[in-house]
Amino acid sequence: MPMNQNPTPFAQPAQIESKNLDIVKDQMYHEALAYKKCTVYSQFFTEQPLKDMANNMAQHHKQHFDALQNYLNSHQ
């Protein structure tokens, strides 16, 4: 490609619109809160199946939070 041409528009991720950024940040807050709640609940349960379920749910929400964080990092 000659030097005077612009690279393809897909060379870098597009910036996130303000409204969409607010939505992602709000969802991250909810995922973090759900993770925290599930972690706390798992400490209160005495039956192992309930503890395991709460821990699995905590990890599920952590994975969602991490995915959203990675999405944000890829659009900086």
N, C-alpha and C. Protein backbone atom coordinates (compact mmCIF):
# COMPACT_ATOMS: atom_id res chain seq x y z
N MET A 1 0.86 -1.17 0.00
CA MET A 1 0.00 0.00 0.00
C MET A 1 0.90 1.24 0.00
N PRO A 2 0.63 2.19 -0.88
CA PRO A 2 1.42 3.43 -0.90
C PRO A 2 1.29 4.17 0.42
N MET A 3 2.30 4.95 0.74
CA MET A 3 2.37 5.66 2.01
C MET A 3 1.31 6.75 2.14
N ASN A 4 0.79 7.27 1.06
CA ASN A 4 -0.17 8.37 1.14
C ASN A 4 -1.60 7.91 1.38
N GLN A 5 -1.86 6.62 1.39
CA GLN A 5 -3.21 6.13 1.63
C GLN A 5 -3.41 5.86 3.11
N ASN A 6 -4.64 6.08 3.58
CA ASN A 6 -4.97 5.79 4.97
C ASN A 6 -5.10 4.29 5.17
N PRO A 7 -4.73 3.79 6.35
CA PRO A 7 -4.95 2.37 6.62
C PRO A 7 -6.44 2.06 6.68
N THR A 8 -6.78 0.81 6.62
CA THR A 8 -8.18 0.43 6.67
C THR A 8 -8.82 0.95 7.95
N PRO A 9 -10.10 1.21 7.93
CA PRO A 9 -10.77 1.72 9.13
C PRO A 9 -10.80 0.70 10.27
N PHE A 10 -10.45 -0.55 9.97
CA PHE A 10 -10.49 -1.59 10.99
C PHE A 10 -9.13 -1.80 11.65
N ALA A 11 -8.19 -0.93 11.37
CA ALA A 11 -6.85 -1.09 11.93
C ALA A 11 -6.88 -0.97 13.45
N GLN A 12 -7.68 -0.07 13.98
CA GLN A 12 -7.82 0.08 15.42
C GLN A 12 -9.31 0.08 15.76
N PRO A 13 -9.65 -0.45 16.94
CA PRO A 13 -11.07 -0.45 17.32
C PRO A 13 -11.60 0.97 17.45
N ALA A 14 -12.86 1.12 17.10
CA ALA A 14 -13.50 2.42 17.20
C ALA A 14 -13.70 2.79 18.66
N GLN A 15 -13.75 4.08 18.91
CA GLN A 15 -14.02 4.54 20.26
C GLN A 15 -15.47 4.22 20.62
N ILE A 16 -15.69 3.96 21.89
CA ILE A 16 -17.04 3.65 22.36
C ILE A 16 -17.79 4.95 22.57
N GLU A 17 -19.02 5.01 22.09
CA GLU A 17 -19.85 6.20 22.30
C GLU A 17 -20.15 6.35 23.78
N SER A 18 -20.38 7.57 24.20
CA SER A 18 -20.58 7.88 25.61
C SER A 18 -21.73 7.08 26.22
N LYS A 19 -22.83 6.99 25.48
CA LYS A 19 -24.00 6.26 25.99
C LYS A 19 -23.65 4.79 26.18
N ASN A 20 -22.96 4.20 25.21
CA ASN A 20 -22.57 2.79 25.31
C ASN A 20 -21.55 2.57 26.41
N LEU A 21 -20.67 3.52 26.60
CA LEU A 21 -19.69 3.43 27.68
C LEU A 21 -20.40 3.41 29.03
N ASP A 22 -21.41 4.24 29.18
CA ASP A 22 -22.18 4.26 30.43
C ASP A 22 -22.88 2.93 30.66
N ILE A 23 -23.39 2.32 29.60
CA ILE A 23 -24.06 1.03 29.72
C ILE A 23 -23.07 -0.04 30.16
N VAL A 24 -21.90 -0.06 29.55
CA VAL A 24 -20.88 -1.06 29.90
C VAL A 24 -20.42 -0.86 31.34
N LYS A 25 -20.19 0.39 31.73
CA LYS A 25 -19.76 0.67 33.10
C LYS A 25 -20.83 0.27 34.11
N ASP A 26 -22.09 0.50 33.77
CA ASP A 26 -23.18 0.11 34.65
C ASP A 26 -23.24 -1.41 34.78
N GLN A 27 -23.07 -2.11 33.67
CA GLN A 27 -23.09 -3.57 33.71
C GLN A 27 -21.91 -4.10 34.51
N MET A 28 -20.76 -3.46 34.40
CA MET A 28 -19.59 -3.88 35.18
C MET A 28 -19.86 -3.72 36.67
N TYR A 29 -20.53 -2.64 37.03
CA TYR A 29 -20.88 -2.42 38.44
C TYR A 29 -21.77 -3.55 38.94
N HIS A 30 -22.77 -3.91 38.15
CA HIS A 30 -23.69 -4.97 38.55
C HIS A 30 -23.00 -6.33 38.63
N GLU A 31 -22.10 -6.60 37.71
CA GLU A 31 -21.36 -7.87 37.76
C GLU A 31 -20.46 -7.91 38.99
N ALA A 32 -19.80 -6.80 39.31
CA ALA A 32 -18.94 -6.75 40.50
C ALA A 32 -19.76 -6.93 41.77
N LEU A 33 -20.92 -6.32 41.82
CA LEU A 33 -21.80 -6.45 42.98
C LEU A 33 -22.30 -7.88 43.13
N ALA A 34 -22.69 -8.49 42.03
CA ALA A 34 -23.17 -9.88 42.07
C ALA A 34 -22.05 -10.81 42.52
N TYR A 35 -20.84 -10.57 42.04
CA TYR A 35 -19.68 -11.37 42.47
C TYR A 35 -19.48 -11.25 43.98
N LYS A 36 -19.51 -10.04 44.47
CA LYS A 36 -19.30 -9.80 45.90
C LYS A 36 -20.39 -10.49 46.73
N LYS A 37 -21.64 -10.34 46.31
CA LYS A 37 -22.75 -10.97 47.04
C LYS A 37 -22.60 -12.49 47.07
N CYS A 38 -22.30 -13.08 45.94
CA CYS A 38 -22.17 -14.53 45.88
C CYS A 38 -21.00 -15.01 46.75
N THR A 39 -19.92 -14.25 46.77
CA THR A 39 -18.78 -14.61 47.61
C THR A 39 -19.16 -14.55 49.08
N VAL A 40 -19.90 -13.52 49.48
CA VAL A 40 -20.34 -13.40 50.87
C VAL A 40 -21.31 -14.51 51.21
N TYR A 41 -22.26 -14.78 50.32
CA TYR A 41 -23.24 -15.84 50.58
C TYR A 41 -22.55 -17.19 50.77
N SER A 42 -21.53 -17.45 49.98
CA SER A 42 -20.85 -18.75 50.07
C SER A 42 -20.21 -18.95 51.45
N GLN A 43 -19.84 -17.86 52.10
CA GLN A 43 -19.24 -17.96 53.43
C GLN A 43 -20.28 -18.27 54.50
N PHE A 44 -21.52 -17.94 54.26
CA PHE A 44 -22.59 -18.16 55.24
C PHE A 44 -23.24 -19.53 55.12
N PHE A 45 -23.19 -20.12 53.91
CA PHE A 45 -23.81 -21.43 53.73
C PHE A 45 -23.02 -22.49 54.48
N THR A 46 -23.73 -23.43 55.07
CA THR A 46 -23.08 -24.53 55.78
C THR A 46 -23.07 -25.82 54.96
N GLU A 47 -24.02 -25.96 54.06
CA GLU A 47 -24.09 -27.16 53.22
C GLU A 47 -23.18 -26.98 52.00
N GLN A 48 -22.35 -27.98 51.74
CA GLN A 48 -21.36 -27.87 50.67
C GLN A 48 -21.97 -27.62 49.29
N PRO A 49 -23.07 -28.27 48.94
CA PRO A 49 -23.64 -27.98 47.60
C PRO A 49 -24.03 -26.50 47.44
N LEU A 50 -24.53 -25.89 48.50
CA LEU A 50 -24.88 -24.47 48.42
C LEU A 50 -23.63 -23.60 48.33
N LYS A 51 -22.60 -23.95 49.10
CA LYS A 51 -21.34 -23.22 49.02
C LYS A 51 -20.78 -23.29 47.59
N ASP A 52 -20.79 -24.50 47.03
CA ASP A 52 -20.27 -24.70 45.67
C ASP A 52 -21.07 -23.90 44.65
N MET A 53 -22.39 -23.91 44.79
CA MET A 53 -23.24 -23.16 43.87
C MET A 53 -22.93 -21.66 43.94
N ALA A 54 -22.80 -21.13 45.15
CA ALA A 54 -22.51 -19.70 45.31
C ALA A 54 -21.14 -19.37 44.74
N ASN A 55 -20.16 -20.24 44.97
CA ASN A 55 -18.82 -20.00 44.42
C ASN A 55 -18.82 -20.06 42.90
N ASN A 56 -19.58 -21.00 42.34
CA ASN A 56 -19.69 -21.09 40.87
C ASN A 56 -20.34 -19.84 40.30
N MET A 57 -21.37 -19.36 40.98
CA MET A 57 -22.04 -18.13 40.52
C MET A 57 -21.09 -16.94 40.63
N ALA A 58 -20.29 -16.89 41.68
CA ALA A 58 -19.32 -15.80 41.84
C ALA A 58 -18.33 -15.81 40.68
N GLN A 59 -17.82 -17.00 40.33
CA GLN A 59 -16.88 -17.10 39.22
C GLN A 59 -17.53 -16.72 37.89
N HIS A 60 -18.78 -17.07 37.74
CA HIS A 60 -19.54 -16.71 36.53
C HIS A 60 -19.59 -15.18 36.38
N HIS A 61 -19.91 -14.49 37.46
CA HIS A 61 -19.99 -13.02 37.41
C HIS A 61 -18.61 -12.40 37.23
N LYS A 62 -17.59 -13.01 37.80
CA LYS A 62 -16.22 -12.50 37.63
C LYS A 62 -15.80 -12.62 36.17
N GLN A 63 -16.16 -13.73 35.53
CA GLN A 63 -15.84 -13.91 34.11
C GLN A 63 -16.54 -12.85 33.26
N HIS A 64 -17.78 -12.54 33.58
CA HIS A 64 -18.50 -11.50 32.84
C HIS A 64 -17.82 -10.15 33.05
N PHE A 65 -17.45 -9.85 34.30
CA PHE A 65 -16.77 -8.59 34.60
C PHE A 65 -15.46 -8.51 33.81
N ASP A 66 -14.68 -9.58 33.84
CA ASP A 66 -13.40 -9.60 33.13
C ASP A 66 -13.59 -9.42 31.62
N ALA A 67 -14.63 -10.04 31.07
CA ALA A 67 -14.90 -9.90 29.64
C ALA A 67 -15.24 -8.45 29.29
N LEU A 68 -16.03 -7.81 30.14
CA LEU A 68 -16.37 -6.40 29.91
C LEU A 68 -15.12 -5.52 30.04
N GLN A 69 -14.28 -5.83 31.01
CA GLN A 69 -13.03 -5.07 31.19
C GLN A 69 -12.13 -5.22 29.97
N ASN A 70 -12.02 -6.44 29.46
CA ASN A 70 -11.22 -6.67 28.26
C ASN A 70 -11.79 -5.93 27.06
N TYR A 71 -13.11 -5.88 26.96
CA TYR A 71 -13.76 -5.15 25.88
C TYR A 71 -13.40 -3.66 25.96
N LEU A 72 -13.48 -3.11 27.16
CA LEU A 72 -13.12 -1.69 27.33
C LEU A 72 -11.66 -1.45 26.99
N ASN A 73 -10.79 -2.33 27.45
CA ASN A 73 -9.36 -2.17 27.19
C ASN A 73 -9.04 -2.25 25.70
N SER A 74 -9.81 -3.03 24.95
CA SER A 74 -9.55 -3.17 23.52
C SER A 74 -10.05 -1.95 22.73
N HIS A 75 -10.82 -1.08 23.36
CA HIS A 75 -11.37 0.09 22.67
C HIS A 75 -10.80 1.40 23.19
N GLN A 76 -9.63 1.34 23.77
CA GLN A 76 -9.02 2.59 24.26
C GLN A 76 -8.27 3.27 23.16
